[in-house]
Amino acid sequence: MSIFREKDHAERRNAALEAKKAMLAKFRSTPDPDDPAVQARLAERRAITEARAARAVEREAARQEKLAREAREKAEQEAAEAAAEAERQAALEAEKAARAEAELSFAARVIADEAERKAKRDARYAARKARQK
């Protein structure tokens, strides 16, 4: 069975130095910004970003076109509904006018019939008075 041994100060310091050396080596191993591989990755990222922006512009244009089409269809539908309502209202007005005309015509016929009956009655009355004299 092994016995756990505490690390002393020198071992901890050496471990920290080794970690710093490893980090420095990792940093130094990164390629320069002028490296063709780095430039290729940057160009690829730019191309991806530009393509993403172009797709966003296309989506926005499609969305705007859809909104314009929906607004146009809604306006056409409202215009058709307004025309139908105006036509229905005109038909109602025409029907009201015809009904009023019929009522006036009926009233005129009733008055004319009354006047004719009165004239006949007056004629009979005048004839009776003429016979009595």
C-alpha atoms as a PDB file:
ATOM      1  CA  MET A   1       0.000   0.000   0.000  1.00  0.00           C
ATOM      2  CA  SER A   2       1.413   3.335  -1.015  1.00  0.00           C
ATOM      3  CA  ILE A   3       1.439   6.204   1.320  1.00  0.00           C
ATOM      4  CA  PHE A   4       0.123   9.541   0.124  1.00  0.00           C
ATOM      5  CA  ARG A   5       2.926  12.040   0.042  1.00  0.00           C
ATOM      6  CA  GLU A   6       2.259  15.762   0.242  1.00  0.00           C
ATOM      7  CA  LYS A   7       3.820  17.895  -2.453  1.00  0.00           C
ATOM      8  CA  ASP A   8       6.297  20.350  -1.150  1.00  0.00           C
ATOM      9  CA  HIS A   9       6.805  23.917  -2.298  1.00  0.00           C
ATOM     10  CA  ALA A  10       9.438  23.091  -4.918  1.00  0.00           C
ATOM     11  CA  GLU A  11       7.205  20.553  -6.629  1.00  0.00           C
ATOM     12  CA  ARG A  12       4.305  22.983  -6.766  1.00  0.00           C
ATOM     13  CA  ARG A  13       6.580  25.686  -8.187  1.00  0.00           C
ATOM     14  CA  ASN A  14       7.935  23.301 -10.832  1.00  0.00           C
ATOM     15  CA  ALA A  15       4.398  22.285 -11.797  1.00  0.00           C
ATOM     16  CA  ALA A  16       3.407  25.939 -12.209  1.00  0.00           C
ATOM     17  CA  LEU A  17       6.481  26.597 -14.354  1.00  0.00           C
ATOM     18  CA  GLU A  18       5.706  23.572 -16.522  1.00  0.00           C
ATOM     19  CA  ALA A  19       2.136  24.807 -16.979  1.00  0.00           C
ATOM     20  CA  LYS A  20       3.380  28.242 -18.000  1.00  0.00           C
ATOM     21  CA  LYS A  21       5.823  26.663 -20.470  1.00  0.00           C
ATOM     22  CA  ALA A  22       3.035  24.537 -21.947  1.00  0.00           C
ATOM     23  CA  MET A  23       0.793  27.587 -22.375  1.00  0.00           C
ATOM     24  CA  LEU A  24       3.628  29.541 -23.984  1.00  0.00           C
ATOM     25  CA  ALA A  25       4.382  26.668 -26.353  1.00  0.00           C
ATOM     26  CA  LYS A  26       0.727  26.419 -27.288  1.00  0.00           C
ATOM     27  CA  PHE A  27       0.563  30.158 -27.955  1.00  0.00           C
ATOM     28  CA  ARG A  28       3.770  30.080 -30.040  1.00  0.00           C
ATOM     29  CA  SER A  29       2.506  27.162 -32.101  1.00  0.00           C
ATOM     30  CA  THR A  30      -0.460  29.186 -33.410  1.00  0.00           C
ATOM     31  CA  PRO A  31       0.070  30.264 -37.019  1.00  0.00           C
ATOM     32  CA  ASP A  32       0.713  33.867 -38.010  1.00  0.00           C
ATOM     33  CA  PRO A  33      -2.172  35.985 -39.320  1.00  0.00           C
ATOM     34  CA  ASP A  34      -0.376  36.058 -42.690  1.00  0.00           C
ATOM     35  CA  ASP A  35      -0.398  32.261 -42.907  1.00  0.00           C
ATOM     36  CA  PRO A  36      -2.356  31.012 -45.970  1.00  0.00           C
ATOM     37  CA  ALA A  37      -4.380  28.565 -43.851  1.00  0.00           C
ATOM     38  CA  VAL A  38      -5.445  31.384 -41.516  1.00  0.00           C
ATOM     39  CA  GLN A  39      -6.282  33.584 -44.492  1.00  0.00           C
ATOM     40  CA  ALA A  40      -8.302  30.756 -46.034  1.00  0.00           C
ATOM     41  CA  ARG A  41     -10.268  30.274 -42.796  1.00  0.00           C
ATOM     42  CA  LEU A  42     -10.908  34.027 -42.578  1.00  0.00           C
ATOM     43  CA  ALA A  43     -12.054  34.122 -46.207  1.00  0.00           C
ATOM     44  CA  GLU A  44     -14.346  31.156 -45.559  1.00  0.00           C
ATOM     45  CA  ARG A  45     -15.815  32.861 -42.501  1.00  0.00           C
ATOM     46  CA  ARG A  46     -16.354  36.070 -44.495  1.00  0.00           C
ATOM     47  CA  ALA A  47     -18.067  34.092 -47.261  1.00  0.00           C
ATOM     48  CA  ILE A  48     -20.322  32.381 -44.723  1.00  0.00           C
ATOM     49  CA  THR A  49     -21.156  35.738 -43.113  1.00  0.00           C
ATOM     50  CA  GLU A  50     -21.919  37.326 -46.486  1.00  0.00           C
ATOM     51  CA  ALA A  51     -24.094  34.365 -47.507  1.00  0.00           C
ATOM     52  CA  ARG A  52     -25.946  34.584 -44.194  1.00  0.00           C
ATOM     53  CA  ALA A  53     -26.507  38.321 -44.722  1.00  0.00           C
ATOM     54  CA  ALA A  54     -27.719  37.708 -48.290  1.00  0.00           C
ATOM     55  CA  ARG A  55     -30.176  35.074 -47.059  1.00  0.00           C
ATOM     56  CA  ALA A  56     -31.407  37.481 -44.383  1.00  0.00           C
ATOM     57  CA  VAL A  57     -31.947  40.166 -47.045  1.00  0.00           C
ATOM     58  CA  GLU A  58     -33.838  37.660 -49.214  1.00  0.00           C
ATOM     59  CA  ARG A  59     -35.994  36.595 -46.270  1.00  0.00           C
ATOM     60  CA  GLU A  60     -36.756  40.229 -45.444  1.00  0.00           C
ATOM     61  CA  ALA A  61     -37.628  40.967 -49.086  1.00  0.00           C
ATOM     62  CA  ALA A  62     -39.891  37.911 -49.197  1.00  0.00           C
ATOM     63  CA  ARG A  63     -41.529  38.975 -45.939  1.00  0.00           C
ATOM     64  CA  GLN A  64     -42.094  42.518 -47.231  1.00  0.00           C
ATOM     65  CA  GLU A  65     -43.504  41.156 -50.505  1.00  0.00           C
ATOM     66  CA  LYS A  66     -45.821  38.852 -48.565  1.00  0.00           C
ATOM     67  CA  LEU A  67     -46.997  41.744 -46.374  1.00  0.00           C
ATOM     68  CA  ALA A  68     -47.609  43.912 -49.451  1.00  0.00           C
ATOM     69  CA  ARG A  69     -49.523  41.086 -51.169  1.00  0.00           C
ATOM     70  CA  GLU A  70     -51.641  40.483 -48.058  1.00  0.00           C
ATOM     71  CA  ALA A  71     -52.361  44.216 -47.747  1.00  0.00           C
ATOM     72  CA  ARG A  72     -53.305  44.394 -51.434  1.00  0.00           C
ATOM     73  CA  GLU A  73     -55.590  41.348 -51.116  1.00  0.00           C
ATOM     74  CA  LYS A  74     -57.169  42.801 -47.992  1.00  0.00           C
ATOM     75  CA  ALA A  75     -57.774  46.134 -49.751  1.00  0.00           C
ATOM     76  CA  GLU A  76     -59.304  44.332 -52.741  1.00  0.00           C
ATOM     77  CA  GLN A  77     -61.514  42.280 -50.443  1.00  0.00           C
ATOM     78  CA  GLU A  78     -62.616  45.382 -48.543  1.00  0.00           C
ATOM     79  CA  ALA A  79     -63.348  47.170 -51.821  1.00  0.00           C
ATOM     80  CA  ALA A  80     -65.400  44.200 -53.029  1.00  0.00           C
ATOM     81  CA  GLU A  81     -67.265  44.094 -49.723  1.00  0.00           C
ATOM     82  CA  ALA A  82     -67.895  47.852 -49.898  1.00  0.00           C
ATOM     83  CA  ALA A  83     -69.178  47.525 -53.471  1.00  0.00           C
ATOM     84  CA  ALA A  84     -71.443  44.640 -52.469  1.00  0.00           C
ATOM     85  CA  GLU A  85     -72.697  46.634 -49.486  1.00  0.00           C
ATOM     86  CA  ALA A  86     -73.328  49.684 -51.694  1.00  0.00           C
ATOM     87  CA  GLU A  87     -75.173  47.511 -54.201  1.00  0.00           C
ATOM     88  CA  ARG A  88     -77.246  45.942 -51.427  1.00  0.00           C
ATOM     89  CA  GLN A  89     -77.971  49.395 -49.996  1.00  0.00           C
ATOM     90  CA  ALA A  90     -79.010  50.673 -53.442  1.00  0.00           C
ATOM     91  CA  ALA A  91     -81.319  47.666 -53.862  1.00  0.00           C
ATOM     92  CA  LEU A  92     -82.860  48.383 -50.457  1.00  0.00           C
ATOM     93  CA  GLU A  93     -83.347  52.043 -51.374  1.00  0.00           C
ATOM     94  CA  ALA A  94     -84.929  51.062 -54.694  1.00  0.00           C
ATOM     95  CA  GLU A  95     -87.216  48.616 -52.907  1.00  0.00           C
ATOM     96  CA  LYS A  96     -88.187  51.307 -50.376  1.00  0.00           C
ATOM     97  CA  ALA A  97     -88.875  53.774 -53.172  1.00  0.00           C
ATOM     98  CA  ALA A  98     -90.983  51.205 -55.047  1.00  0.00           C
ATOM     99  CA  ARG A  99     -92.902  50.375 -51.872  1.00  0.00           C
ATOM    100  CA  ALA A 100     -93.491  54.089 -51.168  1.00  0.00           C
ATOM    101  CA  GLU A 101     -94.598  54.606 -54.780  1.00  0.00           C
ATOM    102  CA  ALA A 102     -96.959  51.652 -54.489  1.00  0.00           C
ATOM    103  CA  GLU A 103     -98.390  53.031 -51.262  1.00  0.00           C
ATOM    104  CA  LEU A 104     -98.847  56.458 -52.865  1.00  0.00           C
ATOM    105  CA  SER A 105    -100.414  54.862 -55.915  1.00  0.00           C
ATOM    106  CA  PHE A 106    -102.739  52.837 -53.697  1.00  0.00           C
ATOM    107  CA  ALA A 107    -103.650  55.953 -51.708  1.00  0.00           C
ATOM    108  CA  ALA A 108    -104.279  57.852 -54.939  1.00  0.00           C
ATOM    109  CA  ARG A 109    -106.518  55.022 -56.224  1.00  0.00           C
ATOM    110  CA  VAL A 110    -108.419  54.957 -52.943  1.00  0.00           C
ATOM    111  CA  ILE A 111    -108.905  58.736 -53.093  1.00  0.00           C
ATOM    112  CA  ALA A 112    -109.939  58.531 -56.756  1.00  0.00           C
ATOM    113  CA  ASP A 113    -112.404  55.726 -55.981  1.00  0.00           C
ATOM    114  CA  GLU A 114    -113.801  57.748 -53.058  1.00  0.00           C
ATOM    115  CA  ALA A 115    -114.160  60.797 -55.307  1.00  0.00           C
ATOM    116  CA  GLU A 116    -115.883  58.685 -57.975  1.00  0.00           C
ATOM    117  CA  ARG A 117    -118.296  57.174 -55.441  1.00  0.00           C
ATOM    118  CA  LYS A 118    -118.993  60.638 -54.039  1.00  0.00           C
ATOM    119  CA  ALA A 119    -119.630  61.974 -57.549  1.00  0.00           C
ATOM    120  CA  LYS A 120    -122.060  59.084 -58.258  1.00  0.00           C
ATOM    121  CA  ARG A 121    -123.782  59.615 -54.905  1.00  0.00           C
ATOM    122  CA  ASP A 122    -124.047  63.354 -55.573  1.00  0.00           C
ATOM    123  CA  ALA A 123    -125.456  62.583 -59.047  1.00  0.00           C
ATOM    124  CA  ARG A 124    -128.068  60.228 -57.544  1.00  0.00           C
ATOM    125  CA  TYR A 125    -128.922  62.831 -54.909  1.00  0.00           C
ATOM    126  CA  ALA A 126    -129.258  65.556 -57.558  1.00  0.00           C
ATOM    127  CA  ALA A 127    -131.400  63.235 -59.728  1.00  0.00           C
ATOM    128  CA  ARG A 128    -133.663  62.430 -56.784  1.00  0.00           C
ATOM    129  CA  LYS A 129    -134.015  66.137 -55.955  1.00  0.00           C
ATOM    130  CA  ALA A 130    -134.766  66.858 -59.614  1.00  0.00           C
ATOM    131  CA  ARG A 131    -137.499  64.200 -59.666  1.00  0.00           C
ATOM    132  CA  GLN A 132    -139.052  65.547 -56.487  1.00  0.00           C
ATOM    133  CA  LYS A 133    -139.452  69.019 -57.939  1.00  0.00           C
END
